[in-house]
Amino acid sequence: MEKIKFHIDDYGILPKINKDVINFIKNDKIDSISIICNSSHFATYINELLKVVKKKKIDVSCHLNLTEFLVKKEKLSFIKLLFYSFFPNSKIKKKVNNLIEKQINIFLNKIPLKKKTIFIDGHQHIHILPIVQKEIIKILKKKKLSFKLRNSNEDLIINPNFSRKIFLNYIKLITIKFIYLIFNQNKNYLNKNFIGVIATGIQSKKMIIKALSRLNLKKGYTQVLFHPLKIEKNYLKKLKLNFEDYKYYTSDERNIEINFLKNIRSKNNFLKNNL
């Protein structure tokens, strides 16, 4: 069971989300998290988070964000970064380097590292794009830090519960696989196996059991990714935030992952009873 870790992305987006993630850690429902450092709410509850991280001995990754929230004004996107991976541009490379270094510095200033090793992944999986990954490695070499990158290359399995969301997630996974195939990736991976693209935002008990059963004979650390982040419109109004910036996080489908994590006693109890 130590080889299977339940992981949550996007700590730092909003205070309520931060508090929910902390509670999931306290109740032994997740083993690791990723933090967005360039958001307005990164520091909210950070001292409480650090205490529970130390107590529960969970892993914390830097979740590099180049596309949303405070950096949306930079007008970068996954598609644009993919384009510049094929056709490098010195101006864009410099911008990406600056944005990444700022986030890594914020992370290092707050989060203690284990054995001088930083764990890195990317919002919308941008860390696998060459124009991003090369700058990550350049910065970390300059800082003389070891690193581990998320392996986002999930196994392609057929999900019988077909929907528009699942269809879009398959397109996303095929794009990710294409990038791993044609670009030389740094293979200093944190995880060997990954479950978190096909069912992004809609991980359910049935989907997780099916995916894990397919990996049963595989060795290495498996990361199961969750985004249990449902934001109510009234909450956005209260914080005077732009609805369009958070529209993706208001979908009722997001209750699927929240309900799954709320209903299990703990991660280890779920694995014991279902695998």
Protein backbone atom coordinates (compact mmCIF):
# COMPACT_ATOMS: atom_id res chain seq x y z
CA MET A 1 0.00 0.00 0.00
CA GLU A 2 2.94 2.35 0.47
CA LYS A 3 3.48 2.16 -3.28
CA ILE A 4 0.07 3.71 -3.99
CA LYS A 5 -0.32 7.35 -3.05
CA PHE A 6 -3.46 9.46 -3.21
CA HIS A 7 -2.44 12.94 -4.33
CA ILE A 8 -4.25 16.30 -4.50
CA ASP A 9 -3.29 19.12 -6.86
CA ASP A 10 -4.08 22.84 -6.65
CA TYR A 11 -3.55 23.72 -2.99
CA GLY A 12 -3.39 27.51 -2.95
CA ILE A 13 -6.22 28.39 -5.33
CA LEU A 14 -8.66 29.57 -2.62
CA PRO A 15 -8.79 29.57 1.22
CA LYS A 16 -11.69 27.08 1.34
CA ILE A 17 -9.79 24.66 -0.90
CA ASN A 18 -6.69 24.95 1.29
CA LYS A 19 -8.73 24.15 4.39
CA ASP A 20 -10.38 21.14 2.72
CA VAL A 21 -6.99 19.75 1.63
CA ILE A 22 -5.62 20.12 5.18
CA ASN A 23 -8.62 18.18 6.53
CA PHE A 24 -8.09 15.38 4.00
CA ILE A 25 -4.48 15.11 5.19
CA LYS A 26 -5.51 15.06 8.86
CA ASN A 27 -7.93 12.21 8.16
CA ASP A 28 -5.33 10.07 6.32
CA LYS A 29 -7.16 10.25 3.03
CA ILE A 30 -4.26 11.56 0.97
CA ASP A 31 -0.47 11.07 1.05
CA SER A 32 0.82 13.99 -0.99
CA ILE A 33 -0.14 17.38 -2.38
CA SER A 34 0.97 19.94 -4.95
CA ILE A 35 0.99 23.66 -4.18
CA ILE A 36 0.37 26.52 -6.61
CA CYS A 37 2.74 29.20 -5.35
CA ASN A 38 1.75 32.10 -7.61
CA SER A 39 -1.82 32.54 -6.38
CA SER A 40 -3.29 35.17 -4.09
CA HIS A 41 -4.12 32.53 -1.49
CA PHE A 42 -0.96 30.40 -1.39
CA ALA A 43 -0.07 31.57 2.13
CA THR A 44 -3.55 31.11 3.63
CA TYR A 45 -3.36 28.45 6.38
CA ILE A 46 0.27 27.74 5.40
CA ASN A 47 1.43 27.35 9.02
CA GLU A 48 -1.35 24.85 9.73
CA LEU A 49 -0.44 23.01 6.54
CA LEU A 50 3.25 22.80 7.49
CA LYS A 51 2.35 21.34 10.88
CA VAL A 52 0.13 18.61 9.45
CA VAL A 53 2.64 17.87 6.64
CA LYS A 54 5.35 17.31 9.25
CA LYS A 55 3.09 15.21 11.48
CA LYS A 56 1.75 12.99 8.69
CA LYS A 57 5.07 12.94 6.76
CA ILE A 58 3.45 13.63 3.42
CA ASP A 59 5.21 14.70 0.23
CA VAL A 60 4.73 18.25 -1.08
CA SER A 61 5.36 19.20 -4.72
CA CYS A 62 5.68 22.56 -6.43
CA HIS A 63 2.77 22.83 -8.88
CA LEU A 64 4.11 25.16 -11.56
CA ASN A 65 1.45 27.37 -13.08
CA LEU A 66 1.99 29.39 -16.26
CA THR A 67 -1.58 29.64 -17.53
CA GLU A 68 -4.13 30.64 -14.87
CA PHE A 69 -4.90 33.03 -12.01
CA LEU A 70 -2.22 35.70 -11.41
CA VAL A 71 -0.26 34.76 -14.55
CA LYS A 72 -3.26 34.74 -16.88
CA LYS A 73 -2.17 38.24 -17.99
CA GLU A 74 0.93 36.63 -19.56
CA LYS A 75 -1.40 35.04 -22.14
CA LEU A 76 0.32 31.66 -22.15
CA SER A 77 -1.53 28.38 -22.65
CA PHE A 78 -0.69 24.70 -23.02
CA ILE A 79 -1.15 24.99 -26.80
CA LYS A 80 1.10 28.06 -27.06
CA LEU A 81 3.78 26.41 -24.92
CA LEU A 82 3.56 23.30 -27.10
CA PHE A 83 4.00 25.49 -30.20
CA TYR A 84 7.09 27.16 -28.69
CA SER A 85 8.47 23.72 -27.83
CA PHE A 86 8.55 23.04 -31.57
CA PHE A 87 9.62 26.57 -32.50
CA PRO A 88 11.73 28.02 -29.66
CA ASN A 89 11.58 31.74 -29.05
CA SER A 90 14.18 33.44 -26.85
CA LYS A 91 11.72 36.03 -25.52
CA ILE A 92 9.22 33.35 -24.49
CA LYS A 93 11.98 31.21 -22.96
CA LYS A 94 13.08 34.14 -20.82
CA LYS A 95 9.50 34.82 -19.72
CA VAL A 96 8.95 31.14 -18.84
CA ASN A 97 12.26 31.03 -16.93
CA ASN A 98 11.34 34.11 -14.88
CA LEU A 99 7.87 32.83 -14.05
CA ILE A 100 9.17 29.40 -13.01
CA GLU A 101 12.03 30.75 -10.91
CA LYS A 102 9.72 33.05 -8.97
CA GLN A 103 7.44 30.13 -8.10
CA ILE A 104 10.30 27.84 -7.12
CA ASN A 105 11.75 30.56 -4.88
CA ILE A 106 8.41 31.03 -3.10
CA PHE A 107 8.12 27.27 -2.64
CA LEU A 108 11.67 26.92 -1.28
CA ASN A 109 11.10 29.80 1.12
CA LYS A 110 8.15 28.03 2.75
CA ILE A 111 8.41 24.27 2.19
CA PRO A 112 11.24 22.21 3.77
CA LEU A 113 12.89 19.81 1.31
CA LYS A 114 13.75 16.17 1.93
CA LYS A 115 17.40 15.45 1.15
CA LYS A 116 17.72 18.66 -0.90
CA THR A 117 15.27 17.23 -3.43
CA ILE A 118 12.36 19.21 -4.84
CA PHE A 119 9.30 17.52 -6.37
CA ILE A 120 7.92 19.26 -9.45
CA ASP A 121 4.71 18.92 -11.46
CA GLY A 122 2.68 21.32 -13.56
CA HIS A 123 -0.77 22.82 -13.68
CA GLN A 124 -2.35 21.34 -16.83
CA HIS A 125 0.78 19.11 -17.08
CA ILE A 126 2.90 21.94 -18.51
CA HIS A 127 6.03 20.47 -16.90
CA ILE A 128 6.28 17.86 -19.67
CA LEU A 129 6.63 20.50 -22.40
CA PRO A 130 10.30 20.97 -23.48
CA ILE A 131 10.21 24.77 -23.31
CA VAL A 132 9.10 24.45 -19.67
CA GLN A 133 11.07 21.37 -18.61
CA LYS A 134 14.39 22.69 -19.92
CA GLU A 135 13.97 25.90 -17.92
CA ILE A 136 13.01 23.93 -14.78
CA ILE A 137 16.19 21.86 -15.02
CA LYS A 138 18.34 24.90 -15.79
CA ILE A 139 17.05 26.71 -12.69
CA LEU A 140 17.43 23.70 -10.39
CA LYS A 141 20.96 23.00 -11.60
CA LYS A 142 21.86 26.61 -10.84
CA LYS A 143 20.44 26.14 -7.32
CA LYS A 144 22.29 22.80 -7.00
CA LEU A 145 19.09 20.97 -6.12
CA SER A 146 18.10 17.41 -6.94
CA PHE A 147 14.62 16.99 -8.37
CA LYS A 148 11.87 14.52 -9.20
CA LEU A 149 9.28 15.19 -11.90
CA ARG A 150 5.76 13.82 -12.12
CA ASN A 151 5.36 11.16 -14.78
CA SER A 152 2.00 12.11 -16.37
CA ASN A 153 2.09 9.29 -18.94
CA GLU A 154 -0.98 7.35 -17.82
CA ASP A 155 -1.75 3.93 -19.31
CA LEU A 156 -4.42 4.12 -22.00
CA ILE A 157 -7.40 2.07 -20.83
CA ILE A 158 -10.99 2.15 -22.08
CA ASN A 159 -13.50 3.75 -19.75
CA PRO A 160 -17.02 2.34 -20.36
CA ASN A 161 -18.71 5.37 -18.73
CA PHE A 162 -18.46 7.50 -21.86
CA SER A 163 -19.28 11.19 -21.61
CA ARG A 164 -18.16 14.49 -23.13
CA LYS A 165 -15.82 14.97 -20.16
CA ILE A 166 -14.25 11.52 -20.64
CA PHE A 167 -13.89 12.17 -24.39
CA LEU A 168 -12.03 15.44 -23.75
CA ASN A 169 -9.83 13.70 -21.17
CA TYR A 170 -8.88 11.05 -23.76
CA ILE A 171 -7.84 13.81 -26.18
CA LYS A 172 -5.75 15.30 -23.38
CA LEU A 173 -4.11 11.92 -22.65
CA ILE A 174 -3.35 11.24 -26.32
CA THR A 175 -1.73 14.70 -26.53
CA ILE A 176 0.36 13.93 -23.44
CA LYS A 177 1.43 10.57 -24.89
CA PHE A 178 2.36 12.27 -28.17
CA ILE A 179 4.59 14.71 -26.25
CA TYR A 180 6.31 11.88 -24.34
CA LEU A 181 6.83 10.04 -27.63
CA ILE A 182 8.37 12.80 -29.75
CA PHE A 183 10.24 14.88 -27.17
CA ASN A 184 13.16 13.69 -25.10
CA GLN A 185 11.88 13.69 -21.50
CA ASN A 186 13.99 13.84 -18.37
CA LYS A 187 13.21 10.48 -16.77
CA ASN A 188 14.02 11.45 -13.21
CA TYR A 189 10.46 10.58 -12.25
CA LEU A 190 8.80 10.79 -8.85
CA ASN A 191 6.23 8.15 -9.81
CA LYS A 192 6.45 5.23 -12.19
CA ASN A 193 2.70 4.86 -12.74
CA PHE A 194 0.00 7.53 -12.94
CA ILE A 195 -3.79 7.60 -12.67
CA GLY A 196 -5.16 11.06 -13.22
CA VAL A 197 -5.83 12.10 -16.81
CA ILE A 198 -8.65 9.88 -18.08
CA ALA A 199 -10.79 10.65 -15.03
CA THR A 200 -9.54 14.17 -14.31
CA GLY A 201 -12.03 15.83 -11.97
CA ILE A 202 -14.33 12.78 -11.90
CA GLN A 203 -12.34 10.08 -10.12
CA SER A 204 -14.86 7.62 -8.67
CA LYS A 205 -14.54 4.41 -6.67
CA LYS A 206 -15.28 2.28 -9.75
CA MET A 207 -12.75 4.10 -11.95
CA ILE A 208 -9.98 3.95 -9.35
CA ILE A 209 -10.46 0.23 -8.66
CA LYS A 210 -10.42 -0.56 -12.40
CA ALA A 211 -7.28 1.52 -13.04
CA LEU A 212 -5.42 0.09 -10.03
CA SER A 213 -6.35 -3.49 -10.96
CA ARG A 214 -4.71 -2.93 -14.37
CA LEU A 215 -1.53 -1.83 -12.60
CA ASN A 216 -1.55 -4.74 -10.15
CA LEU A 217 1.48 -6.47 -11.67
CA LYS A 218 3.49 -3.30 -12.25
CA LYS A 219 6.25 -2.25 -9.90
CA GLY A 220 7.02 1.21 -8.57
CA TYR A 221 5.19 4.08 -6.97
CA THR A 222 1.73 4.84 -8.37
CA GLN A 223 0.26 8.31 -7.98
CA VAL A 224 -3.55 8.58 -8.03
CA LEU A 225 -4.49 12.19 -8.72
CA PHE A 226 -7.52 14.01 -7.33
CA HIS A 227 -8.95 17.51 -7.83
CA PRO A 228 -11.66 17.55 -5.13
CA LEU A 229 -12.21 21.25 -5.59
CA LYS A 230 -15.78 22.50 -6.03
CA ILE A 231 -16.22 26.26 -5.82
CA GLU A 232 -19.65 27.81 -5.23
CA LYS A 233 -20.59 30.95 -7.18
CA ASN A 234 -21.61 32.74 -3.97
CA TYR A 235 -18.15 32.09 -2.53
CA LEU A 236 -16.55 33.74 -5.57
CA LYS A 237 -18.88 36.72 -5.17
CA LYS A 238 -17.97 37.02 -1.51
CA LEU A 239 -14.25 37.19 -2.38
CA LYS A 240 -15.02 39.55 -5.31
CA LEU A 241 -13.39 37.19 -7.81
CA ASN A 242 -14.04 36.99 -11.54
CA PHE A 243 -16.35 34.02 -12.23
CA GLU A 244 -14.76 33.35 -15.65
CA ASP A 245 -11.35 32.77 -14.00
CA TYR A 246 -12.82 29.96 -11.88
CA LYS A 247 -15.60 28.62 -14.12
CA TYR A 248 -13.81 25.29 -14.58
CA TYR A 249 -13.95 24.71 -10.82
CA THR A 250 -17.70 25.33 -10.40
CA SER A 251 -18.96 22.24 -12.26
CA ASP A 252 -21.25 19.92 -10.28
CA GLU A 253 -19.18 16.98 -11.62
CA ARG A 254 -16.48 18.00 -9.15
CA ASN A 255 -18.66 16.67 -6.32
CA ILE A 256 -17.77 13.14 -7.52
CA GLU A 257 -14.21 13.34 -6.18
CA ILE A 258 -15.23 15.27 -3.06
CA ASN A 259 -17.83 12.64 -2.18
CA PHE A 260 -15.38 9.79 -2.84
CA LEU A 261 -12.79 11.20 -0.43
CA LYS A 262 -15.39 12.15 2.17
CA ASN A 263 -16.92 8.67 2.14
CA ILE A 264 -13.74 6.60 2.57
CA ARG A 265 -12.46 6.03 6.11
CA SER A 266 -8.85 6.41 4.98
CA LYS A 267 -6.75 5.65 1.90
CA ASN A 268 -5.28 2.50 3.43
CA ASN A 269 -8.72 1.27 4.50
CA PHE A 270 -10.05 1.80 0.97
CA LEU A 271 -7.16 -0.12 -0.62
CA LYS A 272 -7.41 -2.93 1.91
CA ASN A 273 -11.12 -3.47 1.23
CA ASN A 274 -11.08 -3.03 -2.54
CA LEU A 275 -7.84 -4.50 -3.94
